[in-house]
């Protein structure tokens, strides 16, 4: 660790977005689907399995 590292202020509290967004990736085409289960993919129209 350098002196510059010791002066870094890191945010406290909850982190941002979840680390893994894999459950929102369309299995059929790989597009990112911004919806809940059973939302059709905007790119190909496939519907994700609800058992994710």
PDB file of N, CA and C in Angstrom:
ATOM      1  N   UNK A   1       0.861  -1.176   0.000  1.00  0.00           N
ATOM      2  CA  UNK A   1       0.000   0.000   0.000  1.00  0.00           C
ATOM      3  C   UNK A   1       0.898   1.227   0.000  1.00  0.00           C
ATOM      4  N   UNK A   2       0.514   2.181  -0.833  1.00  0.00           N
ATOM      5  CA  UNK A   2       1.278   3.427  -0.912  1.00  0.00           C
ATOM      6  C   UNK A   2       0.612   4.490  -0.056  1.00  0.00           C
ATOM      7  N   UNK A   3       1.283   5.613   0.118  1.00  0.00           N
ATOM      8  CA  UNK A   3       0.705   6.721   0.871  1.00  0.00           C
ATOM      9  C   UNK A   3      -0.572   7.228   0.211  1.00  0.00           C
ATOM     10  N   UNK A   4      -0.622   7.217  -1.119  1.00  0.00           N
ATOM     11  CA  UNK A   4      -1.814   7.679  -1.833  1.00  0.00           C
ATOM     12  C   UNK A   4      -3.003   6.768  -1.527  1.00  0.00           C
ATOM     13  N   UNK A   5      -2.776   5.459  -1.398  1.00  0.00           N
ATOM     14  CA  UNK A   5      -3.859   4.525  -1.084  1.00  0.00           C
ATOM     15  C   UNK A   5      -4.456   4.798   0.292  1.00  0.00           C
ATOM     16  N   UNK A   6      -3.660   5.221   1.226  1.00  0.00           N
ATOM     17  CA  UNK A   6      -4.126   5.470   2.585  1.00  0.00           C
ATOM     18  C   UNK A   6      -5.059   6.675   2.648  1.00  0.00           C
ATOM     19  N   UNK A   7      -4.983   7.577   1.667  1.00  0.00           N
ATOM     20  CA  UNK A   7      -5.797   8.789   1.664  1.00  0.00           C
ATOM     21  C   UNK A   7      -7.098   8.646   0.875  1.00  0.00           C
ATOM     22  N   UNK A   8      -7.378   7.469   0.350  1.00  0.00           N
ATOM     23  CA  UNK A   8      -8.585   7.256  -0.448  1.00  0.00           C
ATOM     24  C   UNK A   8      -9.780   7.082   0.482  1.00  0.00           C
ATOM     25  N   UNK A   9     -10.844   7.826   0.209  1.00  0.00           N
ATOM     26  CA  UNK A   9     -12.077   7.695   0.980  1.00  0.00           C
ATOM     27  C   UNK A   9     -13.017   6.776   0.216  1.00  0.00           C
ATOM     28  N   UNK A  10     -13.431   5.714   0.858  1.00  0.00           N
ATOM     29  CA  UNK A  10     -14.339   4.766   0.229  1.00  0.00           C
ATOM     30  C   UNK A  10     -15.750   4.978   0.777  1.00  0.00           C
ATOM     31  N   UNK A  11     -16.750   4.863  -0.092  1.00  0.00           N
ATOM     32  CA  UNK A  11     -18.124   5.071   0.372  1.00  0.00           C
ATOM     33  C   UNK A  11     -18.546   4.027   1.383  1.00  0.00           C
ATOM     34  N   UNK A  12     -19.373   4.433   2.307  1.00  0.00           N
ATOM     35  CA  UNK A  12     -19.906   3.537   3.321  1.00  0.00           C
ATOM     36  C   UNK A  12     -21.353   3.216   2.973  1.00  0.00           C
ATOM     37  N   UNK A  13     -21.852   2.143   3.508  1.00  0.00           N
ATOM     38  CA  UNK A  13     -23.245   1.783   3.260  1.00  0.00           C
ATOM     39  C   UNK A  13     -23.357   0.751   2.157  1.00  0.00           C
ATOM     40  N   UNK A  14     -24.576   0.551   1.686  1.00  0.00           N
ATOM     41  CA  UNK A  14     -24.808  -0.484   0.677  1.00  0.00           C
ATOM     42  C   UNK A  14     -24.091  -0.180  -0.626  1.00  0.00           C
ATOM     43  N   UNK A  15     -23.673  -1.230  -1.275  1.00  0.00           N
ATOM     44  CA  UNK A  15     -22.982  -1.095  -2.556  1.00  0.00           C
ATOM     45  C   UNK A  15     -23.990  -0.774  -3.654  1.00  0.00           C
ATOM     46  N   UNK A  16     -23.510  -0.614  -4.846  1.00  0.00           N
ATOM     47  CA  UNK A  16     -24.376  -0.291  -5.984  1.00  0.00           C
ATOM     48  C   UNK A  16     -25.094  -1.515  -6.519  1.00  0.00           C
ATOM     49  N   UNK A  17     -24.993  -1.721  -7.792  1.00  0.00           N
ATOM     50  CA  UNK A  17     -25.687  -2.817  -8.461  1.00  0.00           C
ATOM     51  C   UNK A  17     -25.141  -4.168  -8.050  1.00  0.00           C
ATOM     52  N   UNK A  18     -25.976  -5.209  -8.188  1.00  0.00           N
ATOM     53  CA  UNK A  18     -25.499  -6.559  -7.874  1.00  0.00           C
ATOM     54  C   UNK A  18     -24.318  -6.930  -8.764  1.00  0.00           C
ATOM     55  N   UNK A  19     -23.468  -7.764  -8.257  1.00  0.00           N
ATOM     56  CA  UNK A  19     -22.287  -8.175  -9.004  1.00  0.00           C
ATOM     57  C   UNK A  19     -22.679  -9.000 -10.220  1.00  0.00           C
ATOM     58  N   UNK A  20     -23.633  -9.866 -10.073  1.00  0.00           N
ATOM     59  CA  UNK A  20     -23.998 -10.757 -11.167  1.00  0.00           C
ATOM     60  C   UNK A  20     -25.361 -10.389 -11.750  1.00  0.00           C
ATOM     61  N   UNK A  21     -25.356 -10.024 -13.003  1.00  0.00           N
ATOM     62  CA  UNK A  21     -26.586  -9.718 -13.727  1.00  0.00           C
ATOM     63  C   UNK A  21     -26.956 -10.873 -14.645  1.00  0.00           C
ATOM     64  N   UNK A  22     -26.331 -12.028 -14.452  1.00  0.00           N
ATOM     65  CA  UNK A  22     -26.525 -13.161 -15.344  1.00  0.00           C
ATOM     66  C   UNK A  22     -27.983 -13.588 -15.449  1.00  0.00           C
ATOM     67  N   UNK A  23     -28.750 -13.416 -14.378  1.00  0.00           N
ATOM     68  CA  UNK A  23     -30.152 -13.820 -14.435  1.00  0.00           C
ATOM     69  C   UNK A  23     -30.989 -12.898 -15.308  1.00  0.00           C
ATOM     70  N   UNK A  24     -30.422 -11.802 -15.779  1.00  0.00           N
ATOM     71  CA  UNK A  24     -31.146 -10.885 -16.659  1.00  0.00           C
ATOM     72  C   UNK A  24     -30.668 -10.964 -18.108  1.00  0.00           C
ATOM     73  N   UNK A  25     -29.813 -11.937 -18.403  1.00  0.00           N
ATOM     74  CA  UNK A  25     -29.328 -12.134 -19.761  1.00  0.00           C
ATOM     75  C   UNK A  25     -30.212 -13.168 -20.446  1.00  0.00           C
ATOM     76  N   UNK A  26     -30.692 -12.845 -21.624  1.00  0.00           N
ATOM     77  CA  UNK A  26     -31.563 -13.743 -22.379  1.00  0.00           C
ATOM     78  C   UNK A  26     -30.791 -15.005 -22.759  1.00  0.00           C
ATOM     79  N   UNK A  27     -31.363 -16.166 -22.429  1.00  0.00           N
ATOM     80  CA  UNK A  27     -30.726 -17.442 -22.757  1.00  0.00           C
ATOM     81  C   UNK A  27     -30.650 -17.673 -24.261  1.00  0.00           C
ATOM     82  N   UNK A  28     -31.600 -17.141 -24.999  1.00  0.00           N
ATOM     83  CA  UNK A  28     -31.678 -17.393 -26.431  1.00  0.00           C
ATOM     84  C   UNK A  28     -30.704 -16.543 -27.251  1.00  0.00           C
ATOM     85  N   UNK A  29     -30.586 -15.253 -26.903  1.00  0.00           N
ATOM     86  CA  UNK A  29     -29.772 -14.377 -27.760  1.00  0.00           C
ATOM     87  C   UNK A  29     -28.678 -13.603 -27.030  1.00  0.00           C
ATOM     88  N   UNK A  30     -28.700 -13.617 -25.688  1.00  0.00           N
ATOM     89  CA  UNK A  30     -27.656 -12.934 -24.924  1.00  0.00           C
ATOM     90  C   UNK A  30     -27.926 -11.463 -24.637  1.00  0.00           C
ATOM     91  N   UNK A  31     -29.078 -10.954 -25.033  1.00  0.00           N
ATOM     92  CA  UNK A  31     -29.408  -9.549 -24.767  1.00  0.00           C
ATOM     93  C   UNK A  31     -29.718  -9.360 -23.280  1.00  0.00           C
ATOM     94  N   UNK A  32     -29.527  -8.149 -22.801  1.00  0.00           N
ATOM     95  CA  UNK A  32     -29.842  -7.811 -21.412  1.00  0.00           C
ATOM     96  C   UNK A  32     -31.312  -7.437 -21.331  1.00  0.00           C
ATOM     97  N   UNK A  33     -32.079  -8.160 -20.500  1.00  0.00           N
ATOM     98  CA  UNK A  33     -33.520  -7.937 -20.366  1.00  0.00           C
ATOM     99  C   UNK A  33     -33.785  -7.193 -19.065  1.00  0.00           C
ATOM    100  N   UNK A  34     -34.329  -5.995 -19.168  1.00  0.00           N
ATOM    101  CA  UNK A  34     -34.611  -5.175 -17.986  1.00  0.00           C
ATOM    102  C   UNK A  34     -36.052  -5.356 -17.540  1.00  0.00           C
ATOM    103  N   UNK A  35     -36.360  -6.511 -17.026  1.00  0.00           N
ATOM    104  CA  UNK A  35     -37.708  -6.757 -16.548  1.00  0.00           C
ATOM    105  C   UNK A  35     -37.699  -7.886 -15.543  1.00  0.00           C
ATOM    106  N   UNK A  36     -38.861  -8.213 -15.066  1.00  0.00           N
ATOM    107  CA  UNK A  36     -38.988  -9.322 -14.122  1.00  0.00           C
ATOM    108  C   UNK A  36     -39.217 -10.607 -14.909  1.00  0.00           C
ATOM    109  N   UNK A  37     -39.258 -11.731 -14.194  1.00  0.00           N
ATOM    110  CA  UNK A  37     -39.513 -13.012 -14.856  1.00  0.00           C
ATOM    111  C   UNK A  37     -40.740 -12.921 -15.747  1.00  0.00           C
ATOM    112  N   UNK A  38     -40.716 -13.654 -16.823  1.00  0.00           N
ATOM    113  CA  UNK A  38     -41.799 -13.725 -17.805  1.00  0.00           C
ATOM    114  C   UNK A  38     -41.907 -12.459 -18.660  1.00  0.00           C
ATOM    115  N   UNK A  39     -40.891 -11.590 -18.608  1.00  0.00           N
ATOM    116  CA  UNK A  39     -40.844 -10.443 -19.514  1.00  0.00           C
ATOM    117  C   UNK A  39     -40.181 -10.913 -20.799  1.00  0.00           C
ATOM    118  N   UNK A  40     -40.843 -10.772 -21.935  1.00  0.00           N
ATOM    119  CA  UNK A  40     -40.213 -11.198 -23.194  1.00  0.00           C
ATOM    120  C   UNK A  40     -38.963 -10.377 -23.492  1.00  0.00           C
ATOM    121  N   UNK A  41     -37.989 -11.031 -24.089  1.00  0.00           N
ATOM    122  CA  UNK A  41     -36.754 -10.356 -24.492  1.00  0.00           C
ATOM    123  C   UNK A  41     -37.084  -9.305 -25.544  1.00  0.00           C
ATOM    124  N   UNK A  42     -36.533  -8.130 -25.399  1.00  0.00           N
ATOM    125  CA  UNK A  42     -36.769  -7.041 -26.340  1.00  0.00           C
ATOM    126  C   UNK A  42     -36.158  -7.348 -27.698  1.00  0.00           C
ATOM    127  N   UNK A  43     -35.155  -8.227 -27.726  1.00  0.00           N
ATOM    128  CA  UNK A  43     -34.436  -8.496 -28.967  1.00  0.00           C
ATOM    129  C   UNK A  43     -35.028  -9.657 -29.762  1.00  0.00           C
ATOM    130  N   UNK A  44     -35.340 -10.768 -29.077  1.00  0.00           N
ATOM    131  CA  UNK A  44     -35.786 -11.961 -29.807  1.00  0.00           C
ATOM    132  C   UNK A  44     -37.169 -12.448 -29.399  1.00  0.00           C
ATOM    133  N   UNK A  45     -37.731 -11.910 -28.303  1.00  0.00           N
ATOM    134  CA  UNK A  45     -39.070 -12.291 -27.878  1.00  0.00           C
ATOM    135  C   UNK A  45     -39.146 -13.520 -26.986  1.00  0.00           C
ATOM    136  N   UNK A  46     -38.004 -14.160 -26.726  1.00  0.00           N
ATOM    137  CA  UNK A  46     -38.000 -15.344 -25.848  1.00  0.00           C
ATOM    138  C   UNK A  46     -38.385 -14.942 -24.434  1.00  0.00           C
ATOM    139  N   UNK A  47     -39.034 -15.862 -23.724  1.00  0.00           N
ATOM    140  CA  UNK A  47     -39.430 -15.631 -22.337  1.00  0.00           C
ATOM    141  C   UNK A  47     -38.566 -16.525 -21.457  1.00  0.00           C
ATOM    142  N   UNK A  48     -37.968 -15.948 -20.414  1.00  0.00           N
ATOM    143  CA  UNK A  48     -37.083 -16.683 -19.522  1.00  0.00           C
ATOM    144  C   UNK A  48     -37.870 -17.675 -18.664  1.00  0.00           C
ATOM    145  N   UNK A  49     -37.209 -18.755 -18.270  1.00  0.00           N
ATOM    146  CA  UNK A  49     -37.822 -19.704 -17.337  1.00  0.00           C
ATOM    147  C   UNK A  49     -38.031 -19.012 -16.005  1.00  0.00           C
ATOM    148  N   UNK A  50     -39.139 -19.262 -15.363  1.00  0.00           N
ATOM    149  CA  UNK A  50     -39.412 -18.634 -14.073  1.00  0.00           C
ATOM    150  C   UNK A  50     -38.660 -19.298 -12.940  1.00  0.00           C
ATOM    151  N   UNK A  51     -37.943 -20.380 -13.212  1.00  0.00           N
ATOM    152  CA  UNK A  51     -37.211 -21.087 -12.173  1.00  0.00           C
ATOM    153  C   UNK A  51     -35.821 -20.590 -11.934  1.00  0.00           C
ATOM    154  N   UNK A  52     -35.518 -19.406 -12.366  1.00  0.00           N
ATOM    155  CA  UNK A  52     -34.164 -18.868 -12.192  1.00  0.00           C
ATOM    156  C   UNK A  52     -33.884 -18.533 -10.775  1.00  0.00           C
TER     157      UNK A  52
END
